Amino acid sequence: MKSLKKLTLLLFVTCLISSCSKNDDDSNSNNSGDDFFTAKVDGTSWEAFTGPPDTVAWNEAHAGLVVLQGSNSNGHAITMNIMNYNGVGTYNFASAGFAQFVIAPTQSNSGIWISNAGSGTSGSVEITAVNGDVIEGTVSFVGVNPQDKSRKAITEGKFRATKQ
């Protein structure tokens, strides 16, 4: 069952990354040139690739659920599901969704480190501004790998992402 959950999460992240690489609405102004997502992973600087294709994006999957992600060319990604989303504010991953740091299975040190209600870790995302299709904020969390119980600390996370 754990393997199925891990595979499902990985498939979700892969689909999200590939679906965020284009904008079907040509009339929509795209601010992706200003998009960014940076953080420190266990003290080491991490930065999402900003394109093209732009891999920093967010979308409202349905009312009250925002999915936000950034990935780099090394197959490392930070993704967040923010539940009960209602604009500017702080959302704790123990009660309002989850965050994860993913290293793609093509890497020798691959894995998924998750922060959510069941992980016993802490973390939150603060949405500091929403301006049309652009969302900005900060994020920090400690993720735990369900396979080997290792932990990764994601700190100093900052992002600006355009809705896709």
Protein backbone atom coordinates (compact mmCIF):
# COMPACT_ATOMS: atom_id res chain seq x y z
CA MET A 1 0.00 0.00 0.00
CA LYS A 2 2.88 2.39 0.77
CA SER A 3 4.37 1.71 -2.66
CA LEU A 4 1.02 2.47 -4.29
CA LYS A 5 0.78 5.80 -2.42
CA LYS A 6 4.33 6.70 -3.41
CA LEU A 7 3.69 5.79 -7.05
CA THR A 8 0.45 7.78 -7.04
CA LEU A 9 2.21 10.86 -5.64
CA LEU A 10 5.02 10.56 -8.16
CA LEU A 11 2.55 10.18 -11.02
CA PHE A 12 0.66 13.23 -9.77
CA VAL A 13 3.84 15.34 -9.67
CA THR A 14 4.87 14.15 -13.14
CA CYS A 15 1.46 15.01 -14.58
CA LEU A 16 1.48 18.39 -12.87
CA ILE A 17 4.92 19.28 -14.19
CA SER A 18 4.08 18.27 -17.75
CA SER A 19 0.68 19.99 -17.69
CA CYS A 20 2.13 23.31 -16.55
CA SER A 21 4.41 23.75 -19.54
CA LYS A 22 1.92 25.53 -21.77
CA ASN A 23 -0.77 28.17 -21.65
CA ASP A 24 -3.86 27.36 -23.70
CA ASP A 25 -5.37 30.84 -23.35
CA ASP A 26 -3.45 33.22 -25.59
CA SER A 27 -5.50 36.18 -24.37
CA ASN A 28 -4.28 35.66 -20.82
CA SER A 29 -1.27 37.79 -19.94
CA ASN A 30 1.49 35.51 -18.72
CA ASN A 31 3.87 36.94 -16.15
CA SER A 32 6.05 33.83 -16.15
CA GLY A 33 9.14 35.91 -16.86
CA ASP A 34 8.77 37.20 -13.31
CA ASP A 35 8.03 33.79 -11.77
CA PHE A 36 10.49 32.20 -9.36
CA PHE A 37 10.71 29.55 -6.66
CA THR A 38 13.76 29.33 -4.43
CA ALA A 39 14.45 27.53 -1.15
CA LYS A 40 17.12 25.81 0.86
CA VAL A 41 17.01 22.03 1.10
CA ASP A 42 18.95 20.92 4.17
CA GLY A 43 20.86 24.21 3.92
CA THR A 44 21.72 23.88 0.21
CA SER A 45 20.29 26.43 -2.23
CA TRP A 46 17.60 25.13 -4.60
CA GLU A 47 16.04 27.06 -7.47
CA ALA A 48 13.27 26.05 -9.85
CA PHE A 49 13.89 26.29 -13.57
CA THR A 50 11.92 29.20 -15.00
CA GLY A 51 11.93 28.28 -18.63
CA PRO A 52 10.97 27.96 -21.18
CA PRO A 53 9.12 25.82 -20.40
CA ASP A 54 8.21 27.50 -17.15
CA THR A 55 8.11 24.92 -14.36
CA VAL A 56 6.88 27.29 -11.66
CA ALA A 57 3.09 27.37 -11.70
CA TRP A 58 -0.11 27.07 -9.72
CA ASN A 59 -3.65 26.08 -10.46
CA GLU A 60 -6.91 25.86 -8.59
CA ALA A 61 -7.80 22.19 -9.00
CA HIS A 62 -11.28 22.99 -7.69
CA ALA A 63 -12.76 25.60 -5.35
CA GLY A 64 -10.65 25.67 -2.20
CA LEU A 65 -7.76 23.50 -3.47
CA VAL A 66 -4.64 25.12 -4.87
CA VAL A 67 -1.77 23.10 -6.31
CA LEU A 68 1.56 24.95 -6.55
CA GLN A 69 4.85 23.55 -7.79
CA GLY A 70 8.34 24.29 -8.99
CA SER A 71 10.96 21.94 -10.42
CA ASN A 72 14.52 22.19 -11.66
CA SER A 73 16.44 20.55 -14.46
CA ASN A 74 17.95 18.00 -12.03
CA GLY A 75 14.58 16.36 -11.40
CA HIS A 76 14.06 17.98 -7.98
CA ALA A 77 10.64 19.48 -7.26
CA ILE A 78 8.72 21.12 -4.46
CA THR A 79 4.96 20.73 -4.67
CA MET A 80 2.17 21.85 -2.40
CA ASN A 81 -1.53 21.13 -2.15
CA ILE A 82 -3.21 23.88 -0.17
CA MET A 83 -6.65 22.82 1.05
CA ASN A 84 -9.34 25.24 2.25
CA TYR A 85 -7.59 27.96 0.24
CA ASN A 86 -9.25 31.37 0.44
CA GLY A 87 -6.52 33.83 -0.54
CA VAL A 88 -3.88 35.64 1.49
CA GLY A 89 -3.08 33.84 4.73
CA THR A 90 -1.05 31.07 6.36
CA TYR A 91 -1.88 27.42 5.73
CA ASN A 92 -0.44 24.76 8.02
CA PHE A 93 0.33 21.43 6.29
CA ALA A 94 -0.74 19.49 9.39
CA SER A 95 -4.34 20.58 8.77
CA ALA A 96 -4.62 22.21 5.33
CA GLY A 97 -2.97 19.99 2.72
CA PHE A 98 0.55 18.76 2.20
CA ALA A 99 3.94 19.70 0.83
CA GLN A 100 6.61 17.45 -0.59
CA PHE A 101 10.14 17.55 -1.89
CA VAL A 102 10.66 15.06 -4.70
CA ILE A 103 13.83 13.74 -6.31
CA ALA A 104 12.91 11.97 -9.54
CA PRO A 105 13.45 8.20 -9.75
CA THR A 106 16.07 8.77 -12.46
CA GLN A 107 18.42 10.10 -9.76
CA SER A 108 20.48 7.81 -7.54
CA ASN A 109 19.21 9.53 -4.40
CA SER A 110 15.55 9.56 -5.44
CA GLY A 111 12.69 9.80 -2.99
CA ILE A 112 9.75 11.76 -1.67
CA TRP A 113 9.82 13.71 1.60
CA ILE A 114 6.31 14.65 2.74
CA SER A 115 4.88 17.07 5.30
CA ASN A 116 1.22 16.48 6.15
CA ALA A 117 -1.06 15.53 9.05
CA GLY A 118 0.18 11.92 9.04
CA SER A 119 3.91 12.59 8.78
CA GLY A 120 4.49 13.93 12.28
CA THR A 121 6.38 16.89 10.84
CA SER A 122 5.72 20.61 10.70
CA GLY A 123 5.41 23.18 7.97
CA SER A 124 3.33 25.89 6.40
CA VAL A 125 2.90 28.09 3.38
CA GLU A 126 2.09 31.77 3.68
CA ILE A 127 0.33 33.35 0.72
CA THR A 128 1.43 36.99 0.94
CA ALA A 129 -0.16 38.37 -2.26
CA VAL A 130 -2.63 37.40 -4.95
CA ASN A 131 -2.78 39.71 -7.94
CA GLY A 132 -4.96 38.39 -10.77
CA ASP A 133 -3.30 35.18 -11.96
CA VAL A 134 -0.13 35.68 -9.89
CA ILE A 135 0.33 34.26 -6.39
CA GLU A 136 3.27 35.00 -4.08
CA GLY A 137 4.40 33.64 -0.77
CA THR A 138 6.82 31.78 1.42
CA VAL A 139 7.08 28.15 2.47
CA SER A 140 9.00 26.04 4.95
CA PHE A 141 8.52 22.47 6.09
CA VAL A 142 10.23 19.34 7.29
CA GLY A 143 9.45 16.37 5.09
CA VAL A 144 9.83 12.73 6.05
CA ASN A 145 10.46 9.90 3.60
CA PRO A 146 7.94 7.14 4.37
CA GLN A 147 10.34 4.45 3.14
CA ASP A 148 13.45 5.12 5.22
CA LYS A 149 12.14 7.77 7.68
CA SER A 150 14.87 10.22 6.64
CA ARG A 151 14.04 13.91 6.88
CA LYS A 152 14.69 16.96 4.72
CA ALA A 153 14.26 20.53 5.92
CA ILE A 154 12.94 22.97 3.33
CA THR A 155 13.59 26.51 4.56
CA GLU A 156 13.62 30.07 3.22
CA GLY A 157 11.22 29.11 0.44
CA LYS A 158 9.97 32.05 -1.65
CA PHE A 159 7.83 31.92 -4.77
CA ARG A 160 5.90 33.92 -7.33
CA ALA A 161 3.89 31.81 -9.75
CA THR A 162 1.47 32.42 -12.60
CA LYS A 163 -1.79 30.48 -12.81
CA GLN A 164 -1.73 27.87 -15.57
